[in-house]
Amino acid sequence: MTDLIKKIAAKFPKTYREDIEQELFIESCECEKRFDPTRGTTLFSFCYPSLFYKALHWVEEQRNYLAVGDESYRLDRPETTEQDMDPVARWKKLDPVEQLIYRLKHWRGMSLEEIVQEFSDVIGIKSRKTLSKKLIQINQKLDL
């Protein structure tokens, strides 16, 4: 689990990484408690979305404060709602084909070429360029 935590933390600015790793370690303990191996998924696949969105939410919260010396001040920024940060709600924004594409690319680690070669009939995309554009749309729907 430590490798997954470091991998996720590496996606964020260096100034936050140590704190993110600490937050994600706590969250990973909760994920491990909820994990059910009989549901046909790996621990990595199960925990990744929760850990990633936990880190994203933590960074967003840090950006809402301005530190001046020993004092911190809340900035007047729009609040991020729990629904905005809920990984399940974000995932439900995707249609089944978009979910499949995301899983193949990010959870299975397949290249764009591999996805097009093996799943073009299922996803209805025949070129790497079109798939790349589709992944950008998917990330926008997920607010990544």
N, C-alpha and C. Protein backbone atom coordinates (compact mmCIF):
# COMPACT_ATOMS: atom_id res chain seq x y z
N MET A 1 0.82 -1.19 0.00
CA MET A 1 0.00 0.00 0.00
C MET A 1 0.87 1.26 0.00
N THR A 2 2.04 1.17 0.57
CA THR A 2 2.95 2.32 0.62
C THR A 2 3.31 2.79 -0.78
N ASP A 3 3.52 1.86 -1.71
CA ASP A 3 3.84 2.25 -3.09
C ASP A 3 2.69 3.02 -3.72
N LEU A 4 1.47 2.58 -3.49
CA LEU A 4 0.30 3.27 -4.03
C LEU A 4 0.19 4.67 -3.45
N ILE A 5 0.41 4.80 -2.17
CA ILE A 5 0.34 6.11 -1.52
C ILE A 5 1.38 7.05 -2.10
N LYS A 6 2.60 6.57 -2.27
CA LYS A 6 3.67 7.40 -2.84
C LYS A 6 3.36 7.77 -4.30
N LYS A 7 2.78 6.82 -5.04
CA LYS A 7 2.42 7.08 -6.44
C LYS A 7 1.38 8.19 -6.54
N ILE A 8 0.39 8.15 -5.68
CA ILE A 8 -0.65 9.18 -5.69
C ILE A 8 -0.07 10.52 -5.22
N ALA A 9 0.68 10.51 -4.15
CA ALA A 9 1.27 11.76 -3.63
C ALA A 9 2.17 12.43 -4.66
N ALA A 10 2.82 11.63 -5.49
CA ALA A 10 3.73 12.18 -6.50
C ALA A 10 2.99 13.00 -7.56
N LYS A 11 1.69 12.88 -7.64
CA LYS A 11 0.91 13.63 -8.62
C LYS A 11 0.63 15.06 -8.17
N PHE A 12 1.01 15.37 -6.94
CA PHE A 12 0.72 16.68 -6.36
C PHE A 12 2.01 17.45 -6.11
N PRO A 13 1.92 18.76 -5.89
CA PRO A 13 3.12 19.57 -5.66
C PRO A 13 3.97 19.03 -4.51
N LYS A 14 5.27 19.16 -4.65
CA LYS A 14 6.22 18.63 -3.65
C LYS A 14 5.95 19.16 -2.25
N THR A 15 5.51 20.39 -2.17
CA THR A 15 5.30 21.00 -0.85
C THR A 15 4.22 20.28 -0.04
N TYR A 16 3.33 19.56 -0.72
CA TYR A 16 2.23 18.88 -0.04
C TYR A 16 2.49 17.38 0.17
N ARG A 17 3.47 16.83 -0.48
CA ARG A 17 3.59 15.36 -0.55
C ARG A 17 3.67 14.66 0.79
N GLU A 18 4.50 15.16 1.69
CA GLU A 18 4.64 14.49 2.98
C GLU A 18 3.31 14.46 3.74
N ASP A 19 2.62 15.59 3.74
CA ASP A 19 1.32 15.65 4.42
C ASP A 19 0.29 14.77 3.74
N ILE A 20 0.31 14.76 2.40
CA ILE A 20 -0.62 13.90 1.66
C ILE A 20 -0.36 12.44 2.00
N GLU A 21 0.89 12.04 2.05
CA GLU A 21 1.21 10.65 2.38
C GLU A 21 0.66 10.28 3.76
N GLN A 22 0.76 11.19 4.71
CA GLN A 22 0.22 10.91 6.04
C GLN A 22 -1.30 10.76 6.00
N GLU A 23 -1.96 11.66 5.29
CA GLU A 23 -3.42 11.59 5.17
C GLU A 23 -3.84 10.30 4.47
N LEU A 24 -3.12 9.94 3.42
CA LEU A 24 -3.47 8.74 2.66
C LEU A 24 -3.19 7.46 3.44
N PHE A 25 -2.20 7.47 4.29
CA PHE A 25 -1.94 6.29 5.11
C PHE A 25 -3.14 6.01 6.00
N ILE A 26 -3.68 7.05 6.61
CA ILE A 26 -4.87 6.89 7.46
C ILE A 26 -6.05 6.40 6.62
N GLU A 27 -6.25 7.02 5.47
CA GLU A 27 -7.35 6.63 4.59
C GLU A 27 -7.17 5.19 4.09
N SER A 28 -5.93 4.78 3.83
CA SER A 28 -5.70 3.41 3.33
C SER A 28 -6.11 2.37 4.37
N CYS A 29 -5.93 2.69 5.64
CA CYS A 29 -6.38 1.77 6.70
C CYS A 29 -7.89 1.59 6.64
N GLU A 30 -8.60 2.68 6.40
CA GLU A 30 -10.06 2.60 6.27
C GLU A 30 -10.46 1.82 5.02
N CYS A 31 -9.75 2.04 3.93
CA CYS A 31 -10.02 1.31 2.68
C CYS A 31 -9.83 -0.20 2.88
N GLU A 32 -8.76 -0.55 3.54
CA GLU A 32 -8.47 -1.97 3.77
C GLU A 32 -9.58 -2.62 4.60
N LYS A 33 -10.16 -1.88 5.53
CA LYS A 33 -11.27 -2.42 6.32
C LYS A 33 -12.50 -2.66 5.46
N ARG A 34 -12.75 -1.78 4.48
CA ARG A 34 -13.93 -1.90 3.62
C ARG A 34 -13.74 -2.88 2.48
N PHE A 35 -12.50 -3.25 2.19
CA PHE A 35 -12.19 -4.09 1.03
C PHE A 35 -12.76 -5.50 1.20
N ASP A 36 -13.40 -5.98 0.14
CA ASP A 36 -13.95 -7.34 0.12
C ASP A 36 -13.37 -8.07 -1.09
N PRO A 37 -12.41 -8.97 -0.90
CA PRO A 37 -11.76 -9.64 -2.03
C PRO A 37 -12.70 -10.54 -2.81
N THR A 38 -13.84 -10.88 -2.24
CA THR A 38 -14.79 -11.75 -2.96
C THR A 38 -15.55 -10.99 -4.04
N ARG A 39 -15.40 -9.69 -4.11
CA ARG A 39 -16.12 -8.89 -5.11
C ARG A 39 -15.38 -8.82 -6.44
N GLY A 40 -14.25 -9.49 -6.55
CA GLY A 40 -13.57 -9.61 -7.83
C GLY A 40 -12.69 -8.44 -8.23
N THR A 41 -12.22 -7.68 -7.30
CA THR A 41 -11.32 -6.57 -7.62
C THR A 41 -10.07 -6.67 -6.75
N THR A 42 -9.03 -6.01 -7.18
CA THR A 42 -7.80 -6.01 -6.38
C THR A 42 -7.87 -4.90 -5.34
N LEU A 43 -7.06 -5.02 -4.32
CA LEU A 43 -7.00 -3.98 -3.30
C LEU A 43 -6.59 -2.65 -3.92
N PHE A 44 -5.62 -2.69 -4.85
CA PHE A 44 -5.17 -1.48 -5.55
C PHE A 44 -6.34 -0.80 -6.25
N SER A 45 -7.09 -1.56 -7.06
CA SER A 45 -8.21 -1.00 -7.82
C SER A 45 -9.29 -0.45 -6.90
N PHE A 46 -9.50 -1.12 -5.79
CA PHE A 46 -10.52 -0.68 -4.84
C PHE A 46 -10.12 0.62 -4.14
N CYS A 47 -8.87 0.70 -3.72
CA CYS A 47 -8.43 1.84 -2.91
C CYS A 47 -8.05 3.07 -3.72
N TYR A 48 -7.58 2.88 -4.94
CA TYR A 48 -7.04 4.00 -5.72
C TYR A 48 -8.01 5.20 -5.79
N PRO A 49 -9.28 5.00 -6.22
CA PRO A 49 -10.15 6.18 -6.32
C PRO A 49 -10.33 6.91 -4.99
N SER A 50 -10.55 6.17 -3.92
CA SER A 50 -10.75 6.82 -2.62
C SER A 50 -9.51 7.59 -2.18
N LEU A 51 -8.35 6.98 -2.37
CA LEU A 51 -7.11 7.65 -1.96
C LEU A 51 -6.83 8.88 -2.82
N PHE A 52 -7.04 8.75 -4.13
CA PHE A 52 -6.78 9.87 -5.02
C PHE A 52 -7.69 11.06 -4.67
N TYR A 53 -8.98 10.79 -4.48
CA TYR A 53 -9.90 11.89 -4.19
C TYR A 53 -9.69 12.45 -2.79
N LYS A 54 -9.21 11.63 -1.87
CA LYS A 54 -8.85 12.13 -0.54
C LYS A 54 -7.69 13.13 -0.67
N ALA A 55 -6.69 12.78 -1.46
CA ALA A 55 -5.56 13.69 -1.68
C ALA A 55 -6.02 14.97 -2.38
N LEU A 56 -6.85 14.82 -3.38
CA LEU A 56 -7.37 15.98 -4.12
C LEU A 56 -8.14 16.91 -3.19
N HIS A 57 -8.99 16.33 -2.36
CA HIS A 57 -9.78 17.12 -1.42
C HIS A 57 -8.87 17.81 -0.40
N TRP A 58 -7.87 17.10 0.09
CA TRP A 58 -6.94 17.68 1.07
C TRP A 58 -6.22 18.88 0.48
N VAL A 59 -5.72 18.75 -0.75
CA VAL A 59 -5.01 19.86 -1.41
C VAL A 59 -5.96 21.04 -1.61
N GLU A 60 -7.18 20.75 -2.02
CA GLU A 60 -8.17 21.82 -2.21
C GLU A 60 -8.42 22.56 -0.90
N GLU A 61 -8.52 21.83 0.19
CA GLU A 61 -8.71 22.47 1.49
C GLU A 61 -7.51 23.36 1.86
N GLN A 62 -6.30 22.90 1.57
CA GLN A 62 -5.10 23.67 1.90
C GLN A 62 -5.05 24.97 1.11
N ARG A 63 -5.57 24.93 -0.09
CA ARG A 63 -5.55 26.14 -0.93
C ARG A 63 -6.58 27.16 -0.49
N ASN A 64 -7.49 26.76 0.39
CA ASN A 64 -8.50 27.68 0.90
C ASN A 64 -8.01 28.50 2.09
N TYR A 65 -6.75 28.28 2.48
CA TYR A 65 -6.19 29.00 3.62
C TYR A 65 -4.91 29.73 3.21
N LEU A 66 -4.69 30.86 3.82
CA LEU A 66 -3.48 31.63 3.61
C LEU A 66 -2.75 31.71 4.95
N ALA A 67 -1.52 31.24 4.97
CA ALA A 67 -0.74 31.28 6.21
C ALA A 67 0.11 32.54 6.23
N VAL A 68 0.03 33.26 7.35
CA VAL A 68 0.84 34.45 7.56
C VAL A 68 1.44 34.31 8.95
N GLY A 69 2.73 34.00 8.97
CA GLY A 69 3.38 33.73 10.25
C GLY A 69 2.75 32.52 10.91
N ASP A 70 2.33 32.68 12.17
CA ASP A 70 1.69 31.58 12.89
C ASP A 70 0.18 31.55 12.72
N GLU A 71 -0.36 32.48 11.97
CA GLU A 71 -1.81 32.57 11.79
C GLU A 71 -2.20 32.10 10.40
N SER A 72 -3.41 31.53 10.28
CA SER A 72 -3.92 31.18 8.96
C SER A 72 -5.31 31.79 8.80
N TYR A 73 -5.59 32.19 7.58
CA TYR A 73 -6.84 32.88 7.28
C TYR A 73 -7.57 32.14 6.16
N ARG A 74 -8.85 31.94 6.35
CA ARG A 74 -9.67 31.28 5.34
C ARG A 74 -9.92 32.27 4.21
N LEU A 75 -9.67 31.82 2.98
CA LEU A 75 -9.91 32.66 1.81
C LEU A 75 -11.36 32.51 1.39
N ASP A 76 -11.88 33.55 0.77
CA ASP A 76 -13.27 33.49 0.29
C ASP A 76 -13.32 32.81 -1.06
N ARG A 77 -13.30 31.49 -1.01
CA ARG A 77 -13.43 30.68 -2.23
C ARG A 77 -14.68 29.84 -2.08
N PRO A 78 -15.28 29.48 -3.20
CA PRO A 78 -16.48 28.64 -3.10
C PRO A 78 -16.15 27.32 -2.40
N GLU A 79 -17.05 26.89 -1.56
CA GLU A 79 -16.87 25.63 -0.85
C GLU A 79 -16.98 24.46 -1.82
N THR A 80 -16.17 23.46 -1.59
CA THR A 80 -16.29 22.21 -2.32
C THR A 80 -17.23 21.34 -1.52
N THR A 81 -18.31 20.91 -2.12
CA THR A 81 -19.28 20.09 -1.40
C THR A 81 -18.80 18.65 -1.34
N GLU A 82 -19.37 17.92 -0.40
CA GLU A 82 -19.04 16.50 -0.28
C GLU A 82 -19.41 15.76 -1.56
N GLN A 83 -20.52 16.17 -2.18
CA GLN A 83 -20.94 15.52 -3.42
C GLN A 83 -19.93 15.75 -4.54
N ASP A 84 -19.32 16.95 -4.57
CA ASP A 84 -18.30 17.24 -5.57
C ASP A 84 -17.10 16.33 -5.41
N MET A 85 -16.76 16.00 -4.17
CA MET A 85 -15.57 15.20 -3.91
C MET A 85 -15.84 13.70 -3.84
N ASP A 86 -17.11 13.32 -3.83
CA ASP A 86 -17.49 11.92 -3.70
C ASP A 86 -17.08 11.15 -4.96
N PRO A 87 -16.15 10.18 -4.84
CA PRO A 87 -15.70 9.46 -6.02
C PRO A 87 -16.81 8.66 -6.69
N VAL A 88 -17.77 8.19 -5.93
CA VAL A 88 -18.87 7.43 -6.52
C VAL A 88 -19.74 8.33 -7.38
N ALA A 89 -20.04 9.53 -6.88
CA ALA A 89 -20.85 10.48 -7.65
C ALA A 89 -20.12 10.88 -8.94
N ARG A 90 -18.82 11.08 -8.85
CA ARG A 90 -18.05 11.43 -10.04
C ARG A 90 -18.04 10.27 -11.03
N TRP A 91 -17.88 9.06 -10.51
CA TRP A 91 -17.83 7.88 -11.37
C TRP A 91 -19.16 7.70 -12.11
N LYS A 92 -20.26 8.01 -11.45
CA LYS A 92 -21.58 7.85 -12.06
C LYS A 92 -21.84 8.86 -13.18
N LYS A 93 -21.00 9.88 -13.27
CA LYS A 93 -21.11 10.83 -14.38
C LYS A 93 -20.74 10.17 -15.71
N LEU A 94 -19.98 9.07 -15.63
CA LEU A 94 -19.50 8.39 -16.83
C LEU A 94 -20.50 7.33 -17.29
N ASP A 95 -20.64 7.21 -18.62
CA ASP A 95 -21.46 6.12 -19.14
C ASP A 95 -20.63 4.83 -19.09
N PRO A 96 -21.25 3.66 -19.31
CA PRO A 96 -20.52 2.39 -19.17
C PRO A 96 -19.29 2.27 -20.07
N VAL A 97 -19.34 2.81 -21.28
CA VAL A 97 -18.19 2.75 -22.18
C VAL A 97 -17.05 3.61 -21.63
N GLU A 98 -17.38 4.79 -21.12
CA GLU A 98 -16.36 5.66 -20.54
C GLU A 98 -15.74 5.01 -19.30
N GLN A 99 -16.55 4.35 -18.50
CA GLN A 99 -16.03 3.64 -17.33
C GLN A 99 -15.06 2.54 -17.76
N LEU A 100 -15.42 1.81 -18.81
CA LEU A 100 -14.55 0.75 -19.32
C LEU A 100 -13.22 1.32 -19.80
N ILE A 101 -13.28 2.38 -20.58
CA ILE A 101 -12.06 3.02 -21.09
C ILE A 101 -11.18 3.46 -19.92
N TYR A 102 -11.77 4.09 -18.92
CA TYR A 102 -11.00 4.56 -17.77
C TYR A 102 -10.34 3.40 -17.03
N ARG A 103 -11.12 2.34 -16.82
CA ARG A 103 -10.58 1.15 -16.13
C ARG A 103 -9.40 0.56 -16.90
N LEU A 104 -9.57 0.41 -18.22
CA LEU A 104 -8.50 -0.19 -19.02
C LEU A 104 -7.23 0.64 -18.98
N LYS A 105 -7.38 1.95 -19.09
CA LYS A 105 -6.22 2.84 -19.13
C LYS A 105 -5.56 2.99 -17.76
N HIS A 106 -6.35 3.28 -16.76
CA HIS A 106 -5.76 3.66 -15.47
C HIS A 106 -5.67 2.52 -14.46
N TRP A 107 -6.56 1.57 -14.51
CA TRP A 107 -6.52 0.49 -13.53
C TRP A 107 -5.75 -0.72 -14.04
N ARG A 108 -5.89 -0.99 -15.34
CA ARG A 108 -5.13 -2.10 -15.91
C ARG A 108 -3.82 -1.65 -16.53
N GLY A 109 -3.66 -0.35 -16.73
CA GLY A 109 -2.41 0.18 -17.25
C GLY A 109 -2.18 -0.09 -18.73
N MET A 110 -3.26 -0.28 -19.48
CA MET A 110 -3.12 -0.56 -20.91
C MET A 110 -2.79 0.73 -21.66
N SER A 111 -2.02 0.60 -22.73
CA SER A 111 -1.71 1.75 -23.58
C SER A 111 -2.92 2.05 -24.46
N LEU A 112 -2.92 3.23 -25.06
CA LEU A 112 -4.01 3.58 -25.96
C LEU A 112 -4.09 2.61 -27.13
N GLU A 113 -2.91 2.23 -27.65
CA GLU A 113 -2.87 1.29 -28.77
C GLU A 113 -3.49 -0.06 -28.40
N GLU A 114 -3.15 -0.54 -27.21
CA GLU A 114 -3.69 -1.83 -26.74
C GLU A 114 -5.21 -1.77 -26.60
N ILE A 115 -5.70 -0.68 -26.06
CA ILE A 115 -7.15 -0.54 -25.88
C ILE A 115 -7.85 -0.54 -27.23
N VAL A 116 -7.32 0.22 -28.19
CA VAL A 116 -7.94 0.29 -29.52
C VAL A 116 -7.89 -1.08 -30.19
N GLN A 117 -6.74 -1.76 -30.11
CA GLN A 117 -6.61 -3.07 -30.75
C GLN A 117 -7.57 -4.10 -30.18
N GLU A 118 -7.67 -4.14 -28.86
CA GLU A 118 -8.43 -5.21 -28.22
C GLU A 118 -9.90 -4.88 -27.99
N PHE A 119 -10.26 -3.61 -27.91
CA PHE A 119 -11.62 -3.25 -27.52
C PHE A 119 -12.32 -2.29 -28.48
N SER A 120 -11.78 -2.09 -29.68
CA SER A 120 -12.38 -1.11 -30.59
C SER A 120 -13.84 -1.42 -30.90
N ASP A 121 -14.19 -2.67 -31.03
CA ASP A 121 -15.59 -3.03 -31.33
C ASP A 121 -16.51 -2.70 -30.15
N VAL A 122 -16.01 -2.88 -28.95
CA VAL A 122 -16.82 -2.64 -27.76
C VAL A 122 -17.00 -1.15 -27.49
N ILE A 123 -15.92 -0.39 -27.63
CA ILE A 123 -15.98 1.04 -27.28
C ILE A 123 -16.33 1.93 -28.47
N GLY A 124 -16.30 1.36 -29.67
CA GLY A 124 -16.67 2.13 -30.85
C GLY A 124 -15.65 3.17 -31.26
N ILE A 125 -14.41 2.97 -30.87
CA ILE A 125 -13.33 3.90 -31.23
C ILE A 125 -12.26 3.11 -31.96
N LYS A 126 -11.87 3.63 -33.13
CA LYS A 126 -10.95 2.87 -33.98
C LYS A 126 -9.54 3.46 -34.07
N SER A 127 -9.32 4.65 -33.47
CA SER A 127 -7.99 5.25 -33.57
C SER A 127 -7.50 5.73 -32.22
N ARG A 128 -6.19 5.75 -32.09
CA ARG A 128 -5.53 6.21 -30.86
C ARG A 128 -5.85 7.68 -30.60
N LYS A 129 -5.87 8.48 -31.66
CA LYS A 129 -6.13 9.91 -31.54
C LYS A 129 -7.54 10.17 -30.99
N THR A 130 -8.52 9.45 -31.51
CA THR A 130 -9.90 9.60 -31.04
C THR A 130 -10.01 9.15 -29.58
N LEU A 131 -9.33 8.07 -29.24
CA LEU A 131 -9.34 7.57 -27.86
C LEU A 131 -8.69 8.59 -26.92
N SER A 132 -7.63 9.21 -27.36
CA SER A 132 -6.96 10.22 -26.54
C SER A 132 -7.91 11.38 -26.25
N LYS A 133 -8.65 11.82 -27.26
CA LYS A 133 -9.63 12.90 -27.06
C LYS A 133 -10.73 12.47 -26.09
N LYS A 134 -11.15 11.21 -26.22
CA LYS A 134 -12.18 10.67 -25.33
C LYS A 134 -11.70 10.64 -23.88
N LEU A 135 -10.44 10.28 -23.67
CA LEU A 135 -9.88 10.27 -22.31
C LEU A 135 -9.84 11.67 -21.71
N ILE A 136 -9.59 12.67 -22.53
CA ILE A 136 -9.61 14.06 -22.05
C ILE A 136 -11.02 14.42 -21.59
N GLN A 137 -12.02 14.01 -22.37
CA GLN A 137 -13.42 14.27 -22.00
C GLN A 137 -13.78 13.55 -20.69
N ILE A 138 -13.30 12.32 -20.55
CA ILE A 138 -13.58 11.54 -19.34
C ILE A 138 -12.96 12.23 -18.13
N ASN A 139 -11.71 12.67 -18.26
CA ASN A 139 -11.05 13.36 -17.15
C ASN A 139 -11.76 14.66 -16.78
N GLN A 140 -12.32 15.34 -17.79
CA GLN A 140 -13.07 16.56 -17.52
C GLN A 140 -14.36 16.24 -16.76
N LYS A 141 -15.02 15.15 -17.13
CA LYS A 141 -16.22 14.74 -16.40
C LYS A 141 -15.89 14.38 -14.95
N LEU A 142 -14.72 13.81 -14.74
CA LEU A 142 -14.28 13.44 -13.40
C LEU A 142 -13.63 14.61 -12.66
N ASP A 143 -13.51 15.75 -13.34
CA ASP A 143 -12.87 16.94 -12.77
C ASP A 143 -11.44 16.68 -12.35
N LEU A 144 -10.67 15.93 -13.18
CA LEU A 144 -9.27 15.64 -12.87
C LEU A 144 -8.36 16.64 -13.56
